[in-house]
Amino acid sequence: MHSGEEYSAQNLKVIVFRLLDEQFGVDVSQVKSIERLDTITKVPRTPSFVKGVIHLRGAVIPIIDLKERLGMEDATVTDQSRVILVTMDGHEVGIIVDAANDVMDIPVSKIEPPPRMVSRVDMKYLRGIAKMPDQLLVLLNLDKVLDMEEIELIFQGEELTS
């Protein structure tokens, strides 16, 4: 075994993505893959931020519009838009972002609790703010953003098989 554990204790590896003009990050350990936005099948009687489901590699995956979920205004989708597939409580969920930029190692020492008005995003969804040399990176707490009780509503009473 190599010393990766020591390294990971000092750094947080995140996937960096953009929503409107803000840079966000999520822990890479929760990310399964990044995909191009494909056809989304609408599902009736779901929260408005749930755009529907996609069929990907034999699985049916709910798709969340992250901007809408976070209360951001613009829900425009472009060629740069991506779906970040994350795993939460054993469920795969796709989140639509404006662009997925990079993987970054952030020194834990650079992460601070979020100040009150640093982002347009509700404080309860934030894990912290990373002060990087050329930007502030808003770190999301996916456990709060993706409330699994809400997500499971998509599948309530339905047997979706591939």
N, C-alpha and C. Protein backbone atom coordinates (compact mmCIF):
# COMPACT_ATOMS: atom_id res chain seq x y z
N MET A 1 0.85 -1.18 0.00
CA MET A 1 0.00 0.00 0.00
C MET A 1 0.89 1.24 0.00
N HIS A 2 0.56 2.22 -0.84
CA HIS A 2 1.37 3.45 -0.86
C HIS A 2 0.79 4.48 0.09
N SER A 3 1.41 5.62 0.13
CA SER A 3 1.03 6.63 1.14
C SER A 3 -0.10 7.54 0.67
N GLY A 4 -0.98 7.05 -0.15
CA GLY A 4 -2.10 7.85 -0.63
C GLY A 4 -3.01 8.33 0.48
N GLU A 5 -3.09 7.55 1.56
CA GLU A 5 -3.96 7.95 2.66
C GLU A 5 -3.47 9.23 3.31
N GLU A 6 -2.15 9.35 3.47
CA GLU A 6 -1.61 10.59 4.04
C GLU A 6 -1.91 11.77 3.11
N TYR A 7 -1.72 11.53 1.82
CA TYR A 7 -1.98 12.56 0.83
C TYR A 7 -3.44 13.00 0.87
N SER A 8 -4.35 12.03 0.92
CA SER A 8 -5.76 12.38 0.90
C SER A 8 -6.20 13.06 2.20
N ALA A 9 -5.46 12.86 3.27
CA ALA A 9 -5.81 13.53 4.53
C ALA A 9 -5.47 15.01 4.45
N GLN A 10 -4.56 15.37 3.57
CA GLN A 10 -4.15 16.77 3.45
C GLN A 10 -4.82 17.48 2.28
N ASN A 11 -5.36 16.71 1.35
CA ASN A 11 -5.99 17.27 0.16
C ASN A 11 -7.35 16.65 -0.06
N LEU A 12 -8.25 17.45 -0.61
CA LEU A 12 -9.55 16.96 -1.01
C LEU A 12 -9.57 16.98 -2.53
N LYS A 13 -9.83 15.85 -3.15
CA LYS A 13 -9.90 15.77 -4.61
C LYS A 13 -11.35 16.03 -5.01
N VAL A 14 -11.55 17.04 -5.86
CA VAL A 14 -12.90 17.42 -6.27
C VAL A 14 -13.02 17.49 -7.78
N ILE A 15 -14.24 17.25 -8.25
CA ILE A 15 -14.61 17.54 -9.63
C ILE A 15 -15.08 18.99 -9.64
N VAL A 16 -14.49 19.79 -10.51
CA VAL A 16 -14.86 21.21 -10.62
C VAL A 16 -15.83 21.37 -11.78
N PHE A 17 -16.92 22.08 -11.51
CA PHE A 17 -17.90 22.35 -12.57
C PHE A 17 -18.45 23.75 -12.42
N ARG A 18 -19.13 24.20 -13.48
CA ARG A 18 -19.65 25.57 -13.51
C ARG A 18 -21.17 25.55 -13.54
N LEU A 19 -21.74 26.46 -12.76
CA LEU A 19 -23.16 26.79 -12.83
C LEU A 19 -23.22 28.30 -13.01
N LEU A 20 -23.78 28.74 -14.13
CA LEU A 20 -23.76 30.16 -14.50
C LEU A 20 -22.32 30.65 -14.45
N ASP A 21 -22.01 31.66 -13.63
CA ASP A 21 -20.64 32.18 -13.60
C ASP A 21 -19.89 31.76 -12.34
N GLU A 22 -20.38 30.78 -11.62
CA GLU A 22 -19.74 30.33 -10.39
C GLU A 22 -19.10 28.96 -10.57
N GLN A 23 -17.95 28.76 -9.94
CA GLN A 23 -17.26 27.47 -9.94
C GLN A 23 -17.62 26.71 -8.68
N PHE A 24 -17.97 25.43 -8.86
CA PHE A 24 -18.34 24.57 -7.75
C PHE A 24 -17.48 23.33 -7.75
N GLY A 25 -17.47 22.64 -6.63
CA GLY A 25 -16.75 21.39 -6.56
C GLY A 25 -17.52 20.39 -5.73
N VAL A 26 -17.40 19.10 -6.10
CA VAL A 26 -17.94 18.00 -5.31
C VAL A 26 -16.84 16.96 -5.15
N ASP A 27 -16.88 16.28 -4.03
CA ASP A 27 -15.89 15.26 -3.71
C ASP A 27 -15.88 14.19 -4.81
N VAL A 28 -14.71 13.94 -5.37
CA VAL A 28 -14.59 12.99 -6.49
C VAL A 28 -15.01 11.58 -6.07
N SER A 29 -14.94 11.27 -4.79
CA SER A 29 -15.31 9.92 -4.34
C SER A 29 -16.80 9.65 -4.54
N GLN A 30 -17.62 10.69 -4.68
CA GLN A 30 -19.06 10.52 -4.90
C GLN A 30 -19.42 10.48 -6.38
N VAL A 31 -18.45 10.80 -7.26
CA VAL A 31 -18.73 10.92 -8.69
C VAL A 31 -18.39 9.61 -9.40
N LYS A 32 -19.36 9.12 -10.16
CA LYS A 32 -19.16 7.88 -10.92
C LYS A 32 -18.63 8.18 -12.32
N SER A 33 -19.23 9.16 -12.99
CA SER A 33 -18.78 9.53 -14.33
C SER A 33 -19.38 10.88 -14.71
N ILE A 34 -18.88 11.42 -15.81
CA ILE A 34 -19.42 12.66 -16.39
C ILE A 34 -19.85 12.31 -17.81
N GLU A 35 -21.09 12.63 -18.13
CA GLU A 35 -21.68 12.24 -19.41
C GLU A 35 -22.21 13.46 -20.15
N ARG A 36 -22.30 13.32 -21.48
CA ARG A 36 -23.02 14.33 -22.26
C ARG A 36 -24.50 14.21 -21.94
N LEU A 37 -25.20 15.32 -22.05
CA LEU A 37 -26.63 15.33 -21.77
C LEU A 37 -27.36 14.60 -22.90
N ASP A 38 -28.15 13.61 -22.53
CA ASP A 38 -28.87 12.78 -23.49
C ASP A 38 -30.36 13.06 -23.34
N THR A 39 -31.18 12.33 -24.07
CA THR A 39 -32.62 12.49 -24.00
C THR A 39 -33.12 12.11 -22.61
N ILE A 40 -33.88 13.00 -22.02
CA ILE A 40 -34.43 12.78 -20.68
C ILE A 40 -35.92 12.46 -20.83
N THR A 41 -36.33 11.37 -20.20
CA THR A 41 -37.74 10.99 -20.20
C THR A 41 -38.41 11.61 -18.98
N LYS A 42 -39.42 12.41 -19.22
CA LYS A 42 -40.11 13.07 -18.11
C LYS A 42 -40.87 12.04 -17.28
N VAL A 43 -40.95 12.31 -15.97
CA VAL A 43 -41.68 11.45 -15.05
C VAL A 43 -42.73 12.32 -14.37
N PRO A 44 -44.01 11.92 -14.45
CA PRO A 44 -45.06 12.74 -13.84
C PRO A 44 -44.94 12.81 -12.32
N ARG A 45 -45.51 13.87 -11.76
CA ARG A 45 -45.64 14.06 -10.32
C ARG A 45 -44.31 13.98 -9.58
N THR A 46 -43.30 14.66 -10.11
CA THR A 46 -42.02 14.76 -9.41
C THR A 46 -41.75 16.23 -9.13
N PRO A 47 -40.87 16.52 -8.16
CA PRO A 47 -40.52 17.92 -7.91
C PRO A 47 -40.00 18.58 -9.19
N SER A 48 -40.17 19.89 -9.31
CA SER A 48 -39.83 20.58 -10.57
C SER A 48 -38.35 20.48 -10.91
N PHE A 49 -37.48 20.34 -9.91
CA PHE A 49 -36.05 20.25 -10.20
C PHE A 49 -35.66 18.87 -10.73
N VAL A 50 -36.56 17.89 -10.64
CA VAL A 50 -36.31 16.56 -11.20
C VAL A 50 -36.76 16.61 -12.66
N LYS A 51 -35.82 16.54 -13.58
CA LYS A 51 -36.14 16.70 -15.00
C LYS A 51 -36.65 15.42 -15.62
N GLY A 52 -36.42 14.28 -14.97
CA GLY A 52 -36.87 13.00 -15.49
C GLY A 52 -35.82 11.94 -15.25
N VAL A 53 -35.78 10.94 -16.16
CA VAL A 53 -34.81 9.85 -16.04
C VAL A 53 -34.13 9.62 -17.38
N ILE A 54 -32.94 9.03 -17.31
CA ILE A 54 -32.25 8.58 -18.52
C ILE A 54 -31.96 7.10 -18.35
N HIS A 55 -31.77 6.45 -19.47
CA HIS A 55 -31.40 5.04 -19.48
C HIS A 55 -29.93 5.02 -19.89
N LEU A 56 -29.05 4.57 -18.98
CA LEU A 56 -27.62 4.61 -19.25
C LEU A 56 -26.99 3.31 -18.79
N ARG A 57 -26.38 2.61 -19.73
CA ARG A 57 -25.68 1.35 -19.43
C ARG A 57 -26.53 0.40 -18.59
N GLY A 58 -27.79 0.24 -18.98
CA GLY A 58 -28.67 -0.71 -18.33
C GLY A 58 -29.33 -0.23 -17.05
N ALA A 59 -29.08 1.01 -16.67
CA ALA A 59 -29.69 1.55 -15.43
C ALA A 59 -30.59 2.73 -15.77
N VAL A 60 -31.65 2.89 -14.98
CA VAL A 60 -32.52 4.06 -15.09
C VAL A 60 -32.09 5.02 -14.00
N ILE A 61 -31.70 6.24 -14.41
CA ILE A 61 -31.09 7.19 -13.49
C ILE A 61 -31.89 8.48 -13.47
N PRO A 62 -32.32 8.92 -12.27
CA PRO A 62 -33.01 10.21 -12.18
C PRO A 62 -32.04 11.36 -12.47
N ILE A 63 -32.56 12.39 -13.13
CA ILE A 63 -31.75 13.55 -13.51
C ILE A 63 -32.29 14.80 -12.80
N ILE A 64 -31.40 15.48 -12.12
CA ILE A 64 -31.71 16.68 -11.34
C ILE A 64 -31.12 17.89 -12.05
N ASP A 65 -31.90 18.95 -12.20
CA ASP A 65 -31.36 20.23 -12.68
C ASP A 65 -30.77 20.92 -11.47
N LEU A 66 -29.44 20.90 -11.38
CA LEU A 66 -28.78 21.42 -10.18
C LEU A 66 -29.02 22.91 -9.99
N LYS A 67 -29.06 23.68 -11.08
CA LYS A 67 -29.33 25.12 -10.94
C LYS A 67 -30.70 25.36 -10.32
N GLU A 68 -31.70 24.63 -10.81
CA GLU A 68 -33.05 24.80 -10.25
C GLU A 68 -33.10 24.33 -8.80
N ARG A 69 -32.44 23.22 -8.51
CA ARG A 69 -32.42 22.69 -7.14
C ARG A 69 -31.81 23.69 -6.17
N LEU A 70 -30.79 24.40 -6.64
CA LEU A 70 -30.09 25.35 -5.77
C LEU A 70 -30.73 26.73 -5.79
N GLY A 71 -31.82 26.89 -6.55
CA GLY A 71 -32.53 28.17 -6.57
C GLY A 71 -31.88 29.21 -7.47
N MET A 72 -31.08 28.77 -8.43
CA MET A 72 -30.47 29.70 -9.39
C MET A 72 -31.45 29.90 -10.54
N GLU A 73 -31.40 31.04 -11.15
CA GLU A 73 -32.43 31.44 -12.11
C GLU A 73 -32.43 30.68 -13.42
N ASP A 74 -31.34 30.71 -14.14
CA ASP A 74 -31.28 30.28 -15.53
C ASP A 74 -31.19 28.77 -15.67
N ALA A 75 -32.09 28.15 -16.42
CA ALA A 75 -32.06 26.70 -16.62
C ALA A 75 -31.68 26.34 -18.05
N THR A 76 -30.94 27.21 -18.73
CA THR A 76 -30.55 26.98 -20.11
C THR A 76 -29.57 25.82 -20.21
N VAL A 77 -29.79 24.98 -21.22
CA VAL A 77 -28.88 23.87 -21.50
C VAL A 77 -28.14 24.19 -22.79
N THR A 78 -26.81 23.97 -22.82
CA THR A 78 -25.99 24.25 -24.00
C THR A 78 -25.19 22.99 -24.38
N ASP A 79 -24.39 23.12 -25.43
CA ASP A 79 -23.51 22.02 -25.83
C ASP A 79 -22.48 21.71 -24.76
N GLN A 80 -22.19 22.68 -23.91
CA GLN A 80 -21.22 22.47 -22.84
C GLN A 80 -21.83 21.78 -21.61
N SER A 81 -23.16 21.74 -21.54
CA SER A 81 -23.83 21.12 -20.39
C SER A 81 -23.44 19.66 -20.27
N ARG A 82 -23.30 19.21 -19.03
CA ARG A 82 -22.94 17.82 -18.75
C ARG A 82 -23.83 17.28 -17.63
N VAL A 83 -23.88 15.96 -17.54
CA VAL A 83 -24.52 15.28 -16.42
C VAL A 83 -23.42 14.63 -15.61
N ILE A 84 -23.32 15.00 -14.35
CA ILE A 84 -22.38 14.34 -13.45
C ILE A 84 -23.15 13.26 -12.72
N LEU A 85 -22.75 12.01 -12.92
CA LEU A 85 -23.40 10.89 -12.24
C LEU A 85 -22.74 10.71 -10.88
N VAL A 86 -23.56 10.79 -9.83
CA VAL A 86 -23.07 10.63 -8.48
C VAL A 86 -23.80 9.47 -7.81
N THR A 87 -23.17 8.90 -6.81
CA THR A 87 -23.78 7.83 -6.05
C THR A 87 -24.11 8.34 -4.66
N MET A 88 -25.38 8.25 -4.29
CA MET A 88 -25.85 8.70 -2.98
C MET A 88 -26.65 7.58 -2.34
N ASP A 89 -26.23 7.14 -1.18
CA ASP A 89 -26.95 6.08 -0.46
C ASP A 89 -27.25 4.88 -1.36
N GLY A 90 -26.29 4.52 -2.21
CA GLY A 90 -26.47 3.36 -3.08
C GLY A 90 -27.28 3.63 -4.33
N HIS A 91 -27.78 4.86 -4.51
CA HIS A 91 -28.55 5.22 -5.70
C HIS A 91 -27.68 6.08 -6.61
N GLU A 92 -27.83 5.88 -7.91
CA GLU A 92 -27.18 6.77 -8.87
C GLU A 92 -28.15 7.89 -9.22
N VAL A 93 -27.61 9.10 -9.26
CA VAL A 93 -28.39 10.28 -9.61
C VAL A 93 -27.53 11.11 -10.54
N GLY A 94 -28.13 11.68 -11.58
CA GLY A 94 -27.42 12.57 -12.49
C GLY A 94 -27.76 14.01 -12.17
N ILE A 95 -26.74 14.87 -12.13
CA ILE A 95 -26.99 16.30 -11.91
C ILE A 95 -26.51 17.07 -13.14
N ILE A 96 -27.39 17.92 -13.66
CA ILE A 96 -27.06 18.72 -14.84
C ILE A 96 -26.27 19.94 -14.39
N VAL A 97 -25.10 20.14 -15.03
CA VAL A 97 -24.27 21.31 -14.77
C VAL A 97 -23.97 22.01 -16.10
N ASP A 98 -23.56 23.28 -16.04
CA ASP A 98 -23.29 24.03 -17.26
C ASP A 98 -22.03 23.56 -17.97
N ALA A 99 -21.04 23.12 -17.20
CA ALA A 99 -19.80 22.58 -17.77
C ALA A 99 -19.06 21.88 -16.66
N ALA A 100 -18.42 20.78 -16.99
CA ALA A 100 -17.56 20.09 -16.02
C ALA A 100 -16.13 20.34 -16.48
N ASN A 101 -15.36 20.99 -15.61
CA ASN A 101 -14.09 21.53 -16.04
C ASN A 101 -12.88 20.65 -15.76
N ASP A 102 -12.79 20.10 -14.56
CA ASP A 102 -11.50 19.62 -14.14
C ASP A 102 -11.62 18.75 -12.90
N VAL A 103 -10.54 18.07 -12.58
CA VAL A 103 -10.37 17.43 -11.28
C VAL A 103 -9.27 18.23 -10.60
N MET A 104 -9.47 18.56 -9.34
CA MET A 104 -8.51 19.42 -8.65
C MET A 104 -8.24 18.87 -7.25
N ASP A 105 -6.99 18.93 -6.84
CA ASP A 105 -6.64 18.63 -5.45
C ASP A 105 -6.63 19.93 -4.68
N ILE A 106 -7.43 20.00 -3.63
CA ILE A 106 -7.51 21.21 -2.82
C ILE A 106 -6.91 20.92 -1.46
N PRO A 107 -5.90 21.68 -1.05
CA PRO A 107 -5.37 21.50 0.30
C PRO A 107 -6.48 21.78 1.32
N VAL A 108 -6.67 20.86 2.25
CA VAL A 108 -7.71 21.00 3.26
C VAL A 108 -7.54 22.33 4.01
N SER A 109 -6.30 22.77 4.15
CA SER A 109 -6.02 24.03 4.86
C SER A 109 -6.61 25.24 4.14
N LYS A 110 -6.94 25.10 2.86
CA LYS A 110 -7.51 26.22 2.07
C LYS A 110 -9.04 26.26 2.12
N ILE A 111 -9.65 25.27 2.79
CA ILE A 111 -11.11 25.20 2.84
C ILE A 111 -11.60 25.86 4.12
N GLU A 112 -12.53 26.80 3.95
CA GLU A 112 -13.09 27.52 5.09
C GLU A 112 -14.60 27.35 5.10
N PRO A 113 -15.22 27.52 6.27
CA PRO A 113 -16.69 27.53 6.30
C PRO A 113 -17.20 28.64 5.39
N PRO A 114 -18.35 28.44 4.76
CA PRO A 114 -18.83 29.47 3.83
C PRO A 114 -19.30 30.72 4.56
N PRO A 115 -18.81 31.91 4.13
CA PRO A 115 -19.38 33.14 4.67
C PRO A 115 -20.81 33.29 4.18
N ARG A 116 -21.59 34.09 4.86
CA ARG A 116 -23.03 34.16 4.60
C ARG A 116 -23.41 34.50 3.17
N MET A 117 -22.78 35.46 2.55
CA MET A 117 -23.24 35.91 1.24
C MET A 117 -22.19 35.71 0.14
N VAL A 118 -21.52 34.56 0.13
CA VAL A 118 -20.49 34.34 -0.87
C VAL A 118 -21.07 33.79 -2.18
N SER A 119 -22.25 33.22 -2.13
CA SER A 119 -22.82 32.56 -3.29
C SER A 119 -24.32 32.81 -3.33
N ARG A 120 -24.90 32.57 -4.51
CA ARG A 120 -26.36 32.66 -4.64
C ARG A 120 -27.05 31.43 -4.05
N VAL A 121 -26.26 30.47 -3.61
CA VAL A 121 -26.77 29.18 -3.18
C VAL A 121 -27.08 29.20 -1.68
N ASP A 122 -28.18 28.57 -1.30
CA ASP A 122 -28.59 28.44 0.10
C ASP A 122 -27.45 27.83 0.91
N MET A 123 -27.14 28.42 2.05
CA MET A 123 -26.03 27.98 2.91
C MET A 123 -26.12 26.51 3.28
N LYS A 124 -27.32 25.97 3.44
CA LYS A 124 -27.44 24.58 3.89
C LYS A 124 -26.87 23.59 2.88
N TYR A 125 -26.70 24.01 1.63
CA TYR A 125 -26.16 23.14 0.59
C TYR A 125 -24.64 23.21 0.48
N LEU A 126 -24.01 24.09 1.25
CA LEU A 126 -22.58 24.32 1.09
C LEU A 126 -21.76 23.57 2.13
N ARG A 127 -20.66 23.01 1.67
CA ARG A 127 -19.71 22.32 2.55
C ARG A 127 -18.63 23.29 3.01
N GLY A 128 -18.25 24.20 2.12
CA GLY A 128 -17.22 25.17 2.44
C GLY A 128 -16.82 25.93 1.19
N ILE A 129 -15.85 26.82 1.38
CA ILE A 129 -15.29 27.61 0.28
C ILE A 129 -13.80 27.34 0.24
N ALA A 130 -13.30 26.99 -0.94
CA ALA A 130 -11.85 26.79 -1.11
C ALA A 130 -11.29 28.06 -1.73
N LYS A 131 -10.33 28.67 -1.03
CA LYS A 131 -9.67 29.87 -1.54
C LYS A 131 -8.47 29.45 -2.37
N MET A 132 -8.66 29.43 -3.69
CA MET A 132 -7.59 29.05 -4.61
C MET A 132 -6.93 30.33 -5.12
N PRO A 133 -5.71 30.21 -5.66
CA PRO A 133 -4.98 31.42 -6.09
C PRO A 133 -5.77 32.30 -7.06
N ASP A 134 -6.51 31.67 -8.01
CA ASP A 134 -7.19 32.47 -9.03
C ASP A 134 -8.71 32.45 -8.94
N GLN A 135 -9.25 31.82 -7.89
CA GLN A 135 -10.71 31.74 -7.79
C GLN A 135 -11.16 31.28 -6.41
N LEU A 136 -12.43 31.53 -6.14
CA LEU A 136 -13.09 30.91 -5.00
C LEU A 136 -13.88 29.73 -5.54
N LEU A 137 -13.76 28.59 -4.90
CA LEU A 137 -14.46 27.40 -5.33
C LEU A 137 -15.46 27.02 -4.26
N VAL A 138 -16.75 26.99 -4.64
CA VAL A 138 -17.82 26.67 -3.70
C VAL A 138 -17.95 25.14 -3.65
N LEU A 139 -17.76 24.56 -2.46
CA LEU A 139 -17.84 23.11 -2.31
C LEU A 139 -19.24 22.74 -1.83
N LEU A 140 -19.92 21.88 -2.61
CA LEU A 140 -21.28 21.49 -2.28
C LEU A 140 -21.30 20.28 -1.37
N ASN A 141 -22.31 20.25 -0.52
CA ASN A 141 -22.59 19.08 0.32
C ASN A 141 -23.71 18.30 -0.38
N LEU A 142 -23.33 17.28 -1.14
CA LEU A 142 -24.33 16.55 -1.92
C LEU A 142 -25.36 15.85 -1.07
N ASP A 143 -25.00 15.50 0.17
CA ASP A 143 -25.98 14.86 1.05
C ASP A 143 -27.17 15.77 1.32
N LYS A 144 -26.92 17.08 1.35
CA LYS A 144 -28.01 18.05 1.57
C LYS A 144 -28.71 18.40 0.25
N VAL A 145 -27.92 18.53 -0.83
CA VAL A 145 -28.48 18.90 -2.14
C VAL A 145 -29.41 17.81 -2.64
N LEU A 146 -28.97 16.57 -2.52
CA LEU A 146 -29.73 15.44 -3.04
C LEU A 146 -30.39 14.69 -1.90
N ASP A 147 -31.48 15.23 -1.44
CA ASP A 147 -32.25 14.60 -0.37
C ASP A 147 -32.85 13.32 -0.95
N MET A 148 -32.37 12.17 -0.49
CA MET A 148 -32.76 10.91 -1.11
C MET A 148 -34.25 10.61 -0.96
N GLU A 149 -34.89 11.13 0.06
CA GLU A 149 -36.35 10.93 0.17
C GLU A 149 -37.05 11.57 -1.02
N GLU A 150 -36.59 12.77 -1.41
CA GLU A 150 -37.18 13.43 -2.57
C GLU A 150 -36.87 12.67 -3.85
N ILE A 151 -35.62 12.22 -3.97
CA ILE A 151 -35.21 11.51 -5.18
C ILE A 151 -35.99 10.21 -5.34
N GLU A 152 -36.19 9.51 -4.24
CA GLU A 152 -36.89 8.23 -4.30
C GLU A 152 -38.35 8.38 -4.73
N LEU A 153 -38.92 9.59 -4.63
CA LEU A 153 -40.27 9.82 -5.11
C LEU A 153 -40.42 9.46 -6.59
N ILE A 154 -39.33 9.61 -7.33
CA ILE A 154 -39.37 9.31 -8.76
C ILE A 154 -39.78 7.86 -8.98
N PHE A 155 -39.24 6.99 -8.14
CA PHE A 155 -39.44 5.57 -8.35
C PHE A 155 -40.57 4.99 -7.51
N GLN A 156 -41.19 5.81 -6.70
CA GLN A 156 -42.24 5.31 -5.79
C GLN A 156 -43.37 4.67 -6.59
N GLY A 157 -43.63 3.42 -6.28
CA GLY A 157 -44.75 2.74 -6.92
C GLY A 157 -44.50 2.29 -8.33
N GLU A 158 -43.28 2.47 -8.83
CA GLU A 158 -42.99 2.06 -10.21
C GLU A 158 -41.87 1.04 -10.21
N GLU A 159 -41.98 0.04 -11.03
CA GLU A 159 -40.89 -0.90 -11.25
C GLU A 159 -40.26 -0.52 -12.58
N LEU A 160 -39.10 0.10 -12.52
CA LEU A 160 -38.40 0.50 -13.73
C LEU A 160 -37.28 -0.50 -13.97
N THR A 161 -37.34 -1.21 -15.05
CA THR A 161 -36.30 -2.19 -15.37
C THR A 161 -35.74 -1.91 -16.74
N SER A 162 -34.57 -2.44 -16.97
CA SER A 162 -33.94 -2.19 -18.26
C SER A 162 -34.32 -3.25 -19.27
